[in-house]
PDB file of N, CA and C in Angstrom:
ATOM      1  N   MET A   1    -140.950  82.870  -9.175  1.00  0.00           N
ATOM      2  CA  MET A   1    -141.774  83.831  -9.360  1.00  0.00           C
ATOM      3  C   MET A   1    -142.611  84.711  -8.279  1.00  0.00           C
ATOM      4  N   LEU A   2    -142.465  85.942  -8.640  1.00  0.00           N
ATOM      5  CA  LEU A   2    -143.139  86.744  -7.768  1.00  0.00           C
ATOM      6  C   LEU A   2    -144.753  86.825  -8.218  1.00  0.00           C
ATOM      7  N   PRO A   3    -145.156  87.047  -6.629  1.00  0.00           N
ATOM      8  CA  PRO A   3    -146.799  86.829  -6.240  1.00  0.00           C
ATOM      9  C   PRO A   3    -146.986  88.238  -7.124  1.00  0.00           C
ATOM     10  N   ASP A   4    -146.825  89.076  -6.955  1.00  0.00           N
ATOM     11  CA  ASP A   4    -147.558  90.325  -7.706  1.00  0.00           C
ATOM     12  C   ASP A   4    -147.327  90.707  -8.771  1.00  0.00           C
ATOM     13  N   PRO A   5    -147.556  90.876  -9.711  1.00  0.00           N
ATOM     14  CA  PRO A   5    -147.590  90.875 -11.252  1.00  0.00           C
ATOM     15  C   PRO A   5    -147.001  92.443 -11.520  1.00  0.00           C
ATOM     16  N   GLU A   6    -147.217  93.147 -10.927  1.00  0.00           N
ATOM     17  CA  GLU A   6    -146.590  94.854 -11.225  1.00  0.00           C
ATOM     18  C   GLU A   6    -145.109  94.267 -10.496  1.00  0.00           C
ATOM     19  N   VAL A   7    -144.578  94.075  -9.456  1.00  0.00           N
ATOM     20  CA  VAL A   7    -143.457  93.466  -8.827  1.00  0.00           C
ATOM     21  C   VAL A   7    -142.922  93.073  -9.670  1.00  0.00           C
ATOM     22  N   ALA A   8    -143.207  92.065 -10.227  1.00  0.00           N
ATOM     23  CA  ALA A   8    -142.728  91.310 -11.262  1.00  0.00           C
ATOM     24  C   ALA A   8    -142.323  91.960 -12.682  1.00  0.00           C
ATOM     25  N   ARG A   9    -143.015  92.932 -13.041  1.00  0.00           N
ATOM     26  CA  ARG A   9    -142.985  94.170 -14.238  1.00  0.00           C
ATOM     27  C   ARG A   9    -141.686  94.996 -13.517  1.00  0.00           C
ATOM     28  N   VAL A  10    -141.338  95.120 -12.656  1.00  0.00           N
ATOM     29  CA  VAL A  10    -140.694  96.344 -12.078  1.00  0.00           C
ATOM     30  C   VAL A  10    -139.370  95.579 -11.871  1.00  0.00           C
ATOM     31  N   VAL A  11    -139.332  94.342 -11.463  1.00  0.00           N
ATOM     32  CA  VAL A  11    -137.987  93.540 -11.224  1.00  0.00           C
ATOM     33  C   VAL A  11    -137.616  93.117 -12.787  1.00  0.00           C
ATOM     34  N   GLU A  12    -138.662  92.770 -13.637  1.00  0.00           N
ATOM     35  CA  GLU A  12    -137.900  92.702 -15.185  1.00  0.00           C
ATOM     36  C   GLU A  12    -137.394  94.382 -15.746  1.00  0.00           C
ATOM     37  N   ARG A  13    -137.811  94.888 -15.668  1.00  0.00           N
ATOM     38  CA  ARG A  13    -137.549  95.971 -16.020  1.00  0.00           C
ATOM     39  C   ARG A  13    -136.100  96.387 -15.382  1.00  0.00           C
ATOM     40  N   LEU A  14    -135.802  96.223 -14.088  1.00  0.00           N
ATOM     41  CA  LEU A  14    -134.181  96.481 -13.579  1.00  0.00           C
ATOM     42  C   LEU A  14    -133.710  95.450 -14.239  1.00  0.00           C
ATOM     43  N   ARG A  15    -133.967  94.139 -14.456  1.00  0.00           N
ATOM     44  CA  ARG A  15    -133.152  93.232 -14.766  1.00  0.00           C
ATOM     45  C   ARG A  15    -132.510  93.923 -16.324  1.00  0.00           C
ATOM     46  N   ALA A  16    -133.667  94.141 -17.075  1.00  0.00           N
ATOM     47  CA  ALA A  16    -132.935  95.245 -18.151  1.00  0.00           C
ATOM     48  C   ALA A  16    -132.111  96.118 -18.115  1.00  0.00           C
ATOM     49  N   VAL A  17    -132.505  97.070 -17.465  1.00  0.00           N
ATOM     50  CA  VAL A  17    -131.441  98.032 -16.756  1.00  0.00           C
ATOM     51  C   VAL A  17    -129.841  97.617 -16.677  1.00  0.00           C
ATOM     52  N   ARG A  18    -129.860  96.372 -15.605  1.00  0.00           N
ATOM     53  CA  ARG A  18    -128.751  95.582 -15.087  1.00  0.00           C
ATOM     54  C   ARG A  18    -128.144  95.416 -16.391  1.00  0.00           C
ATOM     55  N   PHE A  19    -128.780  94.741 -17.430  1.00  0.00           N
ATOM     56  CA  PHE A  19    -128.114  94.139 -18.490  1.00  0.00           C
ATOM     57  C   PHE A  19    -127.636  95.351 -19.044  1.00  0.00           C
ATOM     58  N   LEU A  20    -128.140  96.282 -19.628  1.00  0.00           N
ATOM     59  CA  LEU A  20    -127.857  97.720 -20.387  1.00  0.00           C
ATOM     60  C   LEU A  20    -126.383  98.055 -19.588  1.00  0.00           C
ATOM     61  N   LEU A  21    -126.297  98.159 -18.620  1.00  0.00           N
ATOM     62  CA  LEU A  21    -125.320  98.657 -17.321  1.00  0.00           C
ATOM     63  C   LEU A  21    -124.109  97.775 -17.871  1.00  0.00           C
ATOM     64  N   GLU A  22    -124.125  96.352 -17.527  1.00  0.00           N
ATOM     65  CA  GLU A  22    -123.163  95.303 -17.573  1.00  0.00           C
ATOM     66  C   GLU A  22    -122.648  95.535 -19.030  1.00  0.00           C
ATOM     67  N   ARG A  23    -123.607  95.476 -19.747  1.00  0.00           N
ATOM     68  CA  ARG A  23    -122.900  95.493 -21.672  1.00  0.00           C
ATOM     69  C   ARG A  23    -122.025  97.053 -21.528  1.00  0.00           C
ATOM     70  N   ALA A  24    -122.638  97.923 -21.213  1.00  0.00           N
ATOM     71  CA  ALA A  24    -121.792  99.108 -21.343  1.00  0.00           C
ATOM     72  C   ALA A  24    -120.439  99.352 -20.604  1.00  0.00           C
ATOM     73  N   ASN A  25    -120.306  98.803 -19.421  1.00  0.00           N
ATOM     74  CA  ASN A  25    -118.976  98.792 -18.561  1.00  0.00           C
ATOM     75  C   ASN A  25    -118.231  97.715 -19.176  1.00  0.00           C
ATOM     76  N   GLU A  26    -118.919  96.582 -19.734  1.00  0.00           N
ATOM     77  CA  GLU A  26    -117.564  95.511 -20.979  1.00  0.00           C
ATOM     78  C   GLU A  26    -117.202  96.539 -21.685  1.00  0.00           C
ATOM     79  N   GLU A  27    -118.093  97.452 -22.556  1.00  0.00           N
ATOM     80  CA  GLU A  27    -117.879  98.042 -23.685  1.00  0.00           C
ATOM     81  C   GLU A  27    -116.763  99.077 -23.362  1.00  0.00           C
ATOM     82  N   TRP A  28    -116.713  99.982 -21.985  1.00  0.00           N
ATOM     83  CA  TRP A  28    -116.036 100.877 -21.787  1.00  0.00           C
ATOM     84  C   TRP A  28    -114.990 100.102 -21.246  1.00  0.00           C
ATOM     85  N   GLY A  29    -114.956  99.213 -20.914  1.00  0.00           N
ATOM     86  CA  GLY A  29    -113.627  98.382 -20.401  1.00  0.00           C
ATOM     87  C   GLY A  29    -112.582  97.777 -21.540  1.00  0.00           C
ATOM     88  N   ARG A  30    -112.984  97.564 -22.629  1.00  0.00           N
ATOM     89  CA  ARG A  30    -112.394  97.162 -23.653  1.00  0.00           C
ATOM     90  C   ARG A  30    -111.920  98.236 -24.844  1.00  0.00           C
ATOM     91  N   GLN A  31    -112.372  99.600 -24.234  1.00  0.00           N
ATOM     92  CA  GLN A  31    -112.000 100.705 -25.451  1.00  0.00           C
ATOM     93  C   GLN A  31    -110.908 101.274 -25.096  1.00  0.00           C
ATOM     94  N   LEU A  32    -110.151 101.868 -25.977  1.00  0.00           N
ATOM     95  CA  LEU A  32    -108.718 102.548 -25.998  1.00  0.00           C
ATOM     96  C   LEU A  32    -108.798 103.781 -26.697  1.00  0.00           C
ATOM     97  N   PHE A  33    -108.128 105.155 -26.499  1.00  0.00           N
ATOM     98  CA  PHE A  33    -108.405 106.197 -27.067  1.00  0.00           C
ATOM     99  C   PHE A  33    -106.888 106.520 -27.267  1.00  0.00           C
ATOM    100  N   VAL A  34    -106.524 106.348 -28.941  1.00  0.00           N
ATOM    101  CA  VAL A  34    -104.692 106.838 -28.823  1.00  0.00           C
ATOM    102  C   VAL A  34    -105.038 108.121 -29.534  1.00  0.00           C
ATOM    103  N   ALA A  35    -104.098 108.731 -29.393  1.00  0.00           N
ATOM    104  CA  ALA A  35    -103.803 110.024 -30.041  1.00  0.00           C
ATOM    105  C   ALA A  35    -102.424 110.429 -30.237  1.00  0.00           C
ATOM    106  N   THR A  36    -101.596 111.419 -30.803  1.00  0.00           N
ATOM    107  CA  THR A  36    -100.131 111.867 -30.698  1.00  0.00           C
ATOM    108  C   THR A  36    -100.360 113.386 -30.669  1.00  0.00           C
ATOM    109  N   ASP A  37     -99.143 114.053 -30.489  1.00  0.00           N
ATOM    110  CA  ASP A  37     -98.876 115.379 -30.098  1.00  0.00           C
ATOM    111  C   ASP A  37     -99.067 116.091 -32.028  1.00  0.00           C
ATOM    112  N   SER A  38     -99.071 117.212 -31.942  1.00  0.00           N
ATOM    113  CA  SER A  38     -99.376 117.968 -33.051  1.00  0.00           C
ATOM    114  C   SER A  38     -97.967 117.818 -34.259  1.00  0.00           C
ATOM    115  N   ALA A  39     -97.102 117.539 -33.375  1.00  0.00           N
ATOM    116  CA  ALA A  39     -96.030 116.810 -34.328  1.00  0.00           C
ATOM    117  C   ALA A  39     -95.515 115.301 -34.530  1.00  0.00           C
ATOM    118  N   GLY A  40     -96.643 114.583 -34.146  1.00  0.00           N
ATOM    119  CA  GLY A  40     -96.336 113.515 -34.753  1.00  0.00           C
ATOM    120  C   GLY A  40     -95.084 112.344 -34.150  1.00  0.00           C
ATOM    121  N   THR A  41     -94.892 113.420 -32.722  1.00  0.00           N
ATOM    122  CA  THR A  41     -93.401 112.341 -31.881  1.00  0.00           C
ATOM    123  C   THR A  41     -93.755 111.567 -31.028  1.00  0.00           C
ATOM    124  N   VAL A  42     -95.029 111.839 -30.530  1.00  0.00           N
ATOM    125  CA  VAL A  42     -95.683 111.186 -28.989  1.00  0.00           C
ATOM    126  C   VAL A  42     -96.820 110.800 -28.983  1.00  0.00           C
ATOM    127  N   GLU A  43     -97.008 109.550 -29.300  1.00  0.00           N
ATOM    128  CA  GLU A  43     -98.472 108.487 -28.781  1.00  0.00           C
ATOM    129  C   GLU A  43     -98.836 108.610 -27.602  1.00  0.00           C
ATOM    130  N   ALA A  44     -99.945 108.708 -27.089  1.00  0.00           N
ATOM    131  CA  ALA A  44    -100.322 108.493 -25.781  1.00  0.00           C
ATOM    132  C   ALA A  44    -101.991 107.880 -26.461  1.00  0.00           C
ATOM    133  N   SER A  45    -102.220 106.609 -25.304  1.00  0.00           N
ATOM    134  CA  SER A  45    -103.019 105.550 -25.020  1.00  0.00           C
ATOM    135  C   SER A  45    -103.827 105.974 -23.656  1.00  0.00           C
ATOM    136  N   VAL A  46    -105.251 106.159 -23.565  1.00  0.00           N
ATOM    137  CA  VAL A  46    -105.846 106.437 -22.100  1.00  0.00           C
ATOM    138  C   VAL A  46    -107.057 105.171 -22.589  1.00  0.00           C
ATOM    139  N   ASP A  47    -107.542 105.041 -21.448  1.00  0.00           N
ATOM    140  CA  ASP A  47    -108.786 103.967 -21.545  1.00  0.00           C
ATOM    141  C   ASP A  47    -110.028 104.844 -21.169  1.00  0.00           C
ATOM    142  N   ALA A  48    -111.464 104.288 -21.138  1.00  0.00           N
ATOM    143  CA  ALA A  48    -112.343 104.982 -20.934  1.00  0.00           C
ATOM    144  C   ALA A  48    -112.256 105.675 -19.687  1.00  0.00           C
ATOM    145  N   GLN A  49    -112.132 105.423 -18.691  1.00  0.00           N
ATOM    146  CA  GLN A  49    -111.745 106.448 -17.639  1.00  0.00           C
ATOM    147  C   GLN A  49    -110.932 107.249 -17.726  1.00  0.00           C
ATOM    148  N   ARG A  50    -109.959 107.640 -18.433  1.00  0.00           N
ATOM    149  CA  ARG A  50    -108.997 108.604 -19.446  1.00  0.00           C
ATOM    150  C   ARG A  50    -107.816 108.198 -18.245  1.00  0.00           C
ATOM    151  N   ARG A  51    -107.922 107.220 -18.138  1.00  0.00           N
ATOM    152  CA  ARG A  51    -106.167 107.065 -17.571  1.00  0.00           C
ATOM    153  C   ARG A  51    -105.500 106.428 -18.348  1.00  0.00           C
ATOM    154  N   LEU A  52    -103.805 106.858 -17.813  1.00  0.00           N
ATOM    155  CA  LEU A  52    -103.080 106.606 -19.049  1.00  0.00           C
ATOM    156  C   LEU A  52    -102.851 105.170 -19.116  1.00  0.00           C
ATOM    157  N   VAL A  53    -102.387 104.534 -20.462  1.00  0.00           N
ATOM    158  CA  VAL A  53    -102.335 103.519 -19.997  1.00  0.00           C
ATOM    159  C   VAL A  53    -100.721 102.364 -21.255  1.00  0.00           C
ATOM    160  N   ASP A  54    -100.256 103.642 -21.981  1.00  0.00           N
ATOM    161  CA  ASP A  54     -99.080 103.678 -23.076  1.00  0.00           C
ATOM    162  C   ASP A  54     -99.128 104.751 -23.340  1.00  0.00           C
ATOM    163  N   LEU A  55     -97.827 104.833 -23.351  1.00  0.00           N
ATOM    164  CA  LEU A  55     -96.954 106.276 -24.022  1.00  0.00           C
ATOM    165  C   LEU A  55     -95.852 105.860 -24.796  1.00  0.00           C
ATOM    166  N   ARG A  56     -95.905 105.991 -26.282  1.00  0.00           N
ATOM    167  CA  ARG A  56     -94.844 105.549 -26.938  1.00  0.00           C
ATOM    168  C   ARG A  56     -94.184 106.966 -27.665  1.00  0.00           C
ATOM    169  N   ILE A  57     -92.877 107.218 -27.758  1.00  0.00           N
ATOM    170  CA  ILE A  57     -92.062 107.820 -28.153  1.00  0.00           C
ATOM    171  C   ILE A  57     -91.956 107.315 -30.063  1.00  0.00           C
ATOM    172  N   LEU A  58     -92.262 108.303 -30.399  1.00  0.00           N
ATOM    173  CA  LEU A  58     -92.539 107.684 -32.090  1.00  0.00           C
ATOM    174  C   LEU A  58     -91.383 108.448 -32.797  1.00  0.00           C
ATOM    175  N   ASP A  59     -91.037 109.219 -32.512  1.00  0.00           N
ATOM    176  CA  ASP A  59     -89.736 109.863 -33.226  1.00  0.00           C
ATOM    177  C   ASP A  59     -88.557 110.471 -32.096  1.00  0.00           C
ATOM    178  N   ASP A  60     -87.257 109.089 -32.604  1.00  0.00           N
ATOM    179  CA  ASP A  60     -86.393 109.257 -31.329  1.00  0.00           C
ATOM    180  C   ASP A  60     -85.648 110.838 -31.673  1.00  0.00           C
ATOM    181  N   ARG A  61     -86.133 111.168 -32.375  1.00  0.00           N
ATOM    182  CA  ARG A  61     -85.199 112.657 -32.382  1.00  0.00           C
ATOM    183  C   ARG A  61     -85.695 113.821 -31.115  1.00  0.00           C
ATOM    184  N   ILE A  62     -86.709 113.140 -30.776  1.00  0.00           N
ATOM    185  CA  ILE A  62     -87.342 114.253 -29.479  1.00  0.00           C
ATOM    186  C   ILE A  62     -86.286 114.376 -28.639  1.00  0.00           C
ATOM    187  N   MET A  63     -85.292 113.005 -28.403  1.00  0.00           N
ATOM    188  CA  MET A  63     -84.653 112.998 -27.462  1.00  0.00           C
ATOM    189  C   MET A  63     -83.646 114.207 -27.634  1.00  0.00           C
ATOM    190  N   ASN A  64     -83.601 114.941 -28.301  1.00  0.00           N
ATOM    191  CA  ASN A  64     -82.603 115.862 -28.657  1.00  0.00           C
ATOM    192  C   ASN A  64     -83.345 117.123 -28.169  1.00  0.00           C
ATOM    193  N   LEU A  65     -84.471 117.228 -27.952  1.00  0.00           N
ATOM    194  CA  LEU A  65     -85.278 118.351 -27.139  1.00  0.00           C
ATOM    195  C   LEU A  65     -84.867 118.090 -25.838  1.00  0.00           C
ATOM    196  N   GLY A  66     -85.182 119.682 -25.222  1.00  0.00           N
ATOM    197  CA  GLY A  66     -85.273 119.793 -23.824  1.00  0.00           C
ATOM    198  C   GLY A  66     -86.367 119.212 -22.821  1.00  0.00           C
ATOM    199  N   ALA A  67     -86.167 118.751 -21.726  1.00  0.00           N
ATOM    200  CA  ALA A  67     -86.865 118.296 -20.621  1.00  0.00           C
ATOM    201  C   ALA A  67     -88.321 118.878 -20.783  1.00  0.00           C
ATOM    202  N   HIS A  68     -88.114 120.453 -20.948  1.00  0.00           N
ATOM    203  CA  HIS A  68     -89.718 120.809 -21.187  1.00  0.00           C
ATOM    204  C   HIS A  68     -90.621 120.676 -22.492  1.00  0.00           C
ATOM    205  N   ASP A  69     -89.356 120.967 -23.606  1.00  0.00           N
ATOM    206  CA  ASP A  69     -90.399 120.756 -24.904  1.00  0.00           C
ATOM    207  C   ASP A  69     -90.884 118.685 -24.708  1.00  0.00           C
ATOM    208  N   VAL A  70     -90.165 117.931 -24.265  1.00  0.00           N
ATOM    209  CA  VAL A  70     -90.834 116.460 -24.461  1.00  0.00           C
ATOM    210  C   VAL A  70     -92.061 116.417 -23.465  1.00  0.00           C
ATOM    211  N   SER A  71     -91.967 117.334 -22.358  1.00  0.00           N
ATOM    212  CA  SER A  71     -93.033 117.048 -21.404  1.00  0.00           C
ATOM    213  C   SER A  71     -94.380 117.962 -21.694  1.00  0.00           C
ATOM    214  N   GLY A  72     -94.019 118.904 -22.783  1.00  0.00           N
ATOM    215  CA  GLY A  72     -95.282 119.637 -23.221  1.00  0.00           C
ATOM    216  C   GLY A  72     -95.433 118.431 -24.539  1.00  0.00           C
ATOM    217  N   ARG A  73     -94.874 117.953 -25.382  1.00  0.00           N
ATOM    218  CA  ARG A  73     -95.229 117.306 -26.205  1.00  0.00           C
ATOM    219  C   ARG A  73     -96.364 116.053 -25.774  1.00  0.00           C
ATOM    220  N   ILE A  74     -95.599 115.339 -24.475  1.00  0.00           N
ATOM    221  CA  ILE A  74     -96.347 114.293 -23.868  1.00  0.00           C
ATOM    222  C   ILE A  74     -97.524 114.597 -23.370  1.00  0.00           C
ATOM    223  N   ASN A  75     -97.576 115.899 -22.714  1.00  0.00           N
ATOM    224  CA  ASN A  75     -99.049 116.318 -22.303  1.00  0.00           C
ATOM    225  C   ASN A  75    -100.066 116.839 -23.225  1.00  0.00           C
ATOM    226  N   GLU A  76     -99.395 116.779 -24.512  1.00  0.00           N
ATOM    227  CA  GLU A  76    -100.338 117.239 -25.511  1.00  0.00           C
ATOM    228  C   GLU A  76    -101.149 116.451 -25.917  1.00  0.00           C
ATOM    229  N   ALA A  77    -100.056 115.023 -26.306  1.00  0.00           N
ATOM    230  CA  ALA A  77    -100.444 113.890 -26.799  1.00  0.00           C
ATOM    231  C   ALA A  77    -101.483 113.061 -25.728  1.00  0.00           C
ATOM    232  N   MET A  78    -101.465 113.191 -24.351  1.00  0.00           N
ATOM    233  CA  MET A  78    -102.473 113.253 -23.238  1.00  0.00           C
ATOM    234  C   MET A  78    -103.516 113.730 -23.335  1.00  0.00           C
ATOM    235  N   TRP A  79    -103.362 114.890 -23.473  1.00  0.00           N
ATOM    236  CA  TRP A  79    -104.688 115.606 -23.064  1.00  0.00           C
ATOM    237  C   TRP A  79    -105.729 115.524 -24.625  1.00  0.00           C
ATOM    238  N   VAL A  80    -105.093 115.396 -25.571  1.00  0.00           N
ATOM    239  CA  VAL A  80    -105.852 115.236 -26.948  1.00  0.00           C
ATOM    240  C   VAL A  80    -106.560 114.006 -26.633  1.00  0.00           C
ATOM    241  N   ALA A  81    -105.710 112.865 -26.395  1.00  0.00           N
ATOM    242  CA  ALA A  81    -106.747 111.325 -26.215  1.00  0.00           C
ATOM    243  C   ALA A  81    -107.360 111.261 -25.140  1.00  0.00           C
ATOM    244  N   SER A  82    -107.189 111.991 -23.765  1.00  0.00           N
ATOM    245  CA  SER A  82    -108.114 112.133 -23.031  1.00  0.00           C
ATOM    246  C   SER A  82    -109.308 112.805 -23.419  1.00  0.00           C
ATOM    247  N   ASP A  83    -109.210 114.289 -24.368  1.00  0.00           N
ATOM    248  CA  ASP A  83    -110.387 114.856 -24.779  1.00  0.00           C
ATOM    249  C   ASP A  83    -111.136 113.810 -25.922  1.00  0.00           C
ATOM    250  N   PHE A  84    -110.751 112.888 -26.544  1.00  0.00           N
ATOM    251  CA  PHE A  84    -111.168 112.239 -27.415  1.00  0.00           C
ATOM    252  C   PHE A  84    -111.703 111.208 -26.319  1.00  0.00           C
ATOM    253  N   ALA A  85    -111.739 110.618 -25.901  1.00  0.00           N
ATOM    254  CA  ALA A  85    -112.086 109.310 -24.640  1.00  0.00           C
ATOM    255  C   ALA A  85    -113.282 110.322 -23.658  1.00  0.00           C
ATOM    256  N   ALA A  86    -113.437 111.485 -23.521  1.00  0.00           N
ATOM    257  CA  ALA A  86    -114.160 111.975 -22.752  1.00  0.00           C
ATOM    258  C   ALA A  86    -115.445 112.188 -23.844  1.00  0.00           C
ATOM    259  N   SER A  87    -115.141 112.604 -25.088  1.00  0.00           N
ATOM    260  CA  SER A  87    -116.453 112.892 -25.788  1.00  0.00           C
ATOM    261  C   SER A  87    -117.105 111.687 -26.525  1.00  0.00           C
ATOM    262  N   SER A  88    -116.241 110.629 -26.441  1.00  0.00           N
ATOM    263  CA  SER A  88    -117.089 109.134 -27.095  1.00  0.00           C
ATOM    264  C   SER A  88    -117.332 108.808 -26.079  1.00  0.00           C
ATOM    265  N   VAL A  89    -117.377 108.721 -24.456  1.00  0.00           N
ATOM    266  CA  VAL A  89    -117.845 108.301 -23.551  1.00  0.00           C
ATOM    267  C   VAL A  89    -119.129 109.320 -23.380  1.00  0.00           C
ATOM    268  N   GLU A  90    -119.366 110.539 -23.580  1.00  0.00           N
ATOM    269  CA  GLU A  90    -120.266 111.259 -23.560  1.00  0.00           C
ATOM    270  C   GLU A  90    -121.310 110.858 -24.366  1.00  0.00           C
ATOM    271  N   GLU A  91    -121.205 110.775 -25.601  1.00  0.00           N
ATOM    272  CA  GLU A  91    -121.769 110.038 -26.748  1.00  0.00           C
ATOM    273  C   GLU A  91    -122.367 108.999 -26.221  1.00  0.00           C
ATOM    274  N   ASP A  92    -121.338 107.677 -25.845  1.00  0.00           N
ATOM    275  CA  ASP A  92    -121.919 106.159 -25.212  1.00  0.00           C
ATOM    276  C   ASP A  92    -122.953 106.846 -24.196  1.00  0.00           C
ATOM    277  N   VAL A  93    -122.638 107.373 -23.057  1.00  0.00           N
ATOM    278  CA  VAL A  93    -123.715 107.788 -22.331  1.00  0.00           C
ATOM    279  C   VAL A  93    -124.936 108.206 -22.254  1.00  0.00           C
ATOM    280  N   GLY A  94    -124.790 109.050 -23.512  1.00  0.00           N
ATOM    281  CA  GLY A  94    -126.527 109.689 -23.895  1.00  0.00           C
ATOM    282  C   GLY A  94    -127.523 108.380 -24.631  1.00  0.00           C
ATOM    283  N   ALA A  95    -126.533 107.548 -25.429  1.00  0.00           N
ATOM    284  CA  ALA A  95    -127.335 106.315 -26.089  1.00  0.00           C
ATOM    285  C   ALA A  95    -127.706 105.631 -25.009  1.00  0.00           C
ATOM    286  N   LEU A  96    -126.984 105.244 -24.074  1.00  0.00           N
ATOM    287  CA  LEU A  96    -127.385 104.047 -22.642  1.00  0.00           C
ATOM    288  C   LEU A  96    -128.575 104.955 -22.040  1.00  0.00           C
ATOM    289  N   GLU A  97    -128.461 106.387 -22.007  1.00  0.00           N
ATOM    290  CA  GLU A  97    -129.401 106.938 -21.340  1.00  0.00           C
ATOM    291  C   GLU A  97    -131.201 106.704 -22.213  1.00  0.00           C
ATOM    292  N   HIS A  98    -130.676 106.663 -23.387  1.00  0.00           N
ATOM    293  CA  HIS A  98    -132.010 106.165 -24.166  1.00  0.00           C
ATOM    294  C   HIS A  98    -132.737 105.256 -23.976  1.00  0.00           C
ATOM    295  N   GLU A  99    -131.768 103.852 -23.627  1.00  0.00           N
ATOM    296  CA  GLU A  99    -131.527 102.464 -23.878  1.00  0.00           C
ATOM    297  C   GLU A  99    -132.303 102.136 -22.407  1.00  0.00           C
ATOM    298  N   ILE A 100    -131.819 103.049 -21.493  1.00  0.00           N
ATOM    299  CA  ILE A 100    -132.531 102.560 -20.344  1.00  0.00           C
ATOM    300  C   ILE A 100    -133.837 103.420 -20.404  1.00  0.00           C
ATOM    301  N   ALA A 101    -134.071 104.574 -20.815  1.00  0.00           N
ATOM    302  CA  ALA A 101    -135.267 105.103 -20.717  1.00  0.00           C
ATOM    303  C   ALA A 101    -136.495 104.250 -21.940  1.00  0.00           C
ATOM    304  N   ALA A 102    -135.885 103.611 -22.610  1.00  0.00           N
ATOM    305  CA  ALA A 102    -136.791 102.750 -23.525  1.00  0.00           C
ATOM    306  C   ALA A 102    -136.940 101.498 -22.961  1.00  0.00           C
ATOM    307  N   ALA A 103    -136.052 100.992 -22.327  1.00  0.00           N
ATOM    308  CA  ALA A 103    -135.973  99.625 -20.769  1.00  0.00           C
ATOM    309  C   ALA A 103    -137.574  99.689 -19.963  1.00  0.00           C
ATOM    310  N   LEU A 104    -137.476 100.587 -19.511  1.00  0.00           N
ATOM    311  CA  LEU A 104    -138.243 101.115 -17.808  1.00  0.00           C
ATOM    312  C   LEU A 104    -139.255 101.405 -18.617  1.00  0.00           C
ATOM    313  N   ALA A 105    -139.505 101.989 -20.121  1.00  0.00           N
ATOM    314  CA  ALA A 105    -140.933 102.391 -20.823  1.00  0.00           C
ATOM    315  C   ALA A 105    -141.576 101.321 -21.330  1.00  0.00           C
ATOM    316  N   GLU A 106    -140.895 100.409 -21.736  1.00  0.00           N
ATOM    317  CA  GLU A 106    -141.769  99.522 -22.465  1.00  0.00           C
ATOM    318  C   GLU A 106    -142.309  98.108 -21.431  1.00  0.00           C
ATOM    319  N   PRO A 107    -143.311  97.803 -21.543  1.00  0.00           N
ATOM    320  CA  PRO A 107    -144.229  97.049 -20.621  1.00  0.00           C
ATOM    321  C   PRO A 107    -143.723  95.565 -20.322  1.00  0.00           C
ATOM    322  N   ASP A 108    -142.837  94.963 -20.973  1.00  0.00           N
ATOM    323  CA  ASP A 108    -142.331  93.708 -20.442  1.00  0.00           C
ATOM    324  C   ASP A 108    -140.812  94.084 -20.278  1.00  0.00           C
ATOM    325  N   GLY A 109    -140.332  95.287 -20.099  1.00  0.00           N
ATOM    326  CA  GLY A 109    -138.690  95.797 -20.000  1.00  0.00           C
ATOM    327  C   GLY A 109    -137.688  95.174 -20.638  1.00  0.00           C
ATOM    328  N   THR A 110    -138.104  94.914 -22.476  1.00  0.00           N
ATOM    329  CA  THR A 110    -136.762  94.239 -23.200  1.00  0.00           C
ATOM    330  C   THR A 110    -137.054  95.453 -24.392  1.00  0.00           C
TER     331      THR A 110
END
């Protein structure tokens, strides 16, 4: 137990913030964002950090296209998934900021 009650309150608030950050980090670690190109031939999956974790060809006929067309479809699917991840994480960060502000404002840090 900390001898100074004010220090104890600050430490308790910081623990509450740490809990919120750890929870958010765990949630983001489990999130996966999946999107396809507009033709539905390629599917890309990215994580919350917008790293590519999976890429699938949904329509084998894409193999009859040229390399430029195939790479364009792959890039499109990756960009759509990446944009989806970015907007979702941005919303999550906004909610997390409110939770942290509330935890810091409350007298007992909960």
